[in-house]
Amino acid sequence: MALAGPAPVASGRRRLMRPHWWGLIFVLPAVLFFAAFSVFPVLYGLWLSLTRTSLLNPGHFVGLGNYAAMPRDPLFGTALANTLEFVLGSTVPVWIGSLLAALLFNQKFPAREFLKTLFFLPVLPPLAVVAVVWKVLLNPSGAMSWLTGWIVGKEQIAWLYDTTLAPIMMIVVHDWAAIPFYMMIWLAGLATLSPELSEAASLDGAGALRGFWYVELPQLRGTTLLVCSLSTIGAFQTFVLQYVLSQDHGGPVNSTLVLGLLIFKEGFQFFRMGYAAAISVVLFLMILLVTLIQIRLGRHGA
């Protein structure tokens, strides 16, 4: 009877030493880090969006009051419209331009690797650095005015001071930096294509354009979905370009004010943290909805 006592303890130790327990122990620091810096901020942001809180006052619970105030806020309506315009100009041209660039660099020609490296250079520096460089180039007396001024007969062009030109230049700078990045994703997808199918289509009399549209492009469905999703998410989250390039962070006359910039202003300039959190939740739901639609369309096409 005296020997039967330690058996349950030894059995419990053996269960603790099982391999799956060790796996949980090893991943626990990463899980805790993710929970502290990702899950908790999201949950706290959701709670904050239901309160009227500032940096100086603890605030109080208002329920959906912040969300109900958005349709009556002219700044929110302006930022929403500007964001949708920026998303449209920063996705469709990027999809087409990056795909065409990938098809070009997928061909064999002299100095292809060197030219591809030069084309990829805009991706290497941070976007803030790219924005600062373009801010110098887009100065009314800068290089862009010198290169294009003779077309319109002007020595100085207010690229970033005009309510029409400023939003367009935000899109141009974004697309200039984004197209090389997504070109590399397309090239990775093109490298996985089956050459036998293309050769069979060519033997059947399909030209290069028809062969690409009916044979190669359907094989790139996964790559297409990845490019569309990543570029759309990045366009909705735009902030750096508008913060660095625009006048007074969203000018002139709020023509470049986007939702990301409005969240920053509401939270850190006007100190309305609850309202800023509510706008961020709306932006998250918009991104989630568009992404789910893209995934649905991608699966439906499959």
Foldseek 3Di string as FASTA:
>chain_A
DVVPPCVVVVVVVVVCPDPVNVVCVVCVVVVVVCCVPPVVVLVVLVQLLQFFFFPVDRTDGNGCVLVVCQVVDVLNVLQAVLLVVLLVLQFVVLLVLLLVVLVVLVDDDPCSVVVLVVLLVLQPDDPLVLLVVVLQQQFQQHVVLVVCVVVVVDNGDNQQADLVNNSVVLSVSSSSSRSSVLSVLSNVQQVPFDVVQLVVCVVVPDDPVRSCVPPVVVSCLVSSLVSNLVRSLCSLQDQSNQCRRHDPRCDDVNSNNHLNSVLCCVCPVVRRNNSSSSSVVVSVVVSVVVSVVSVVVSVVSD
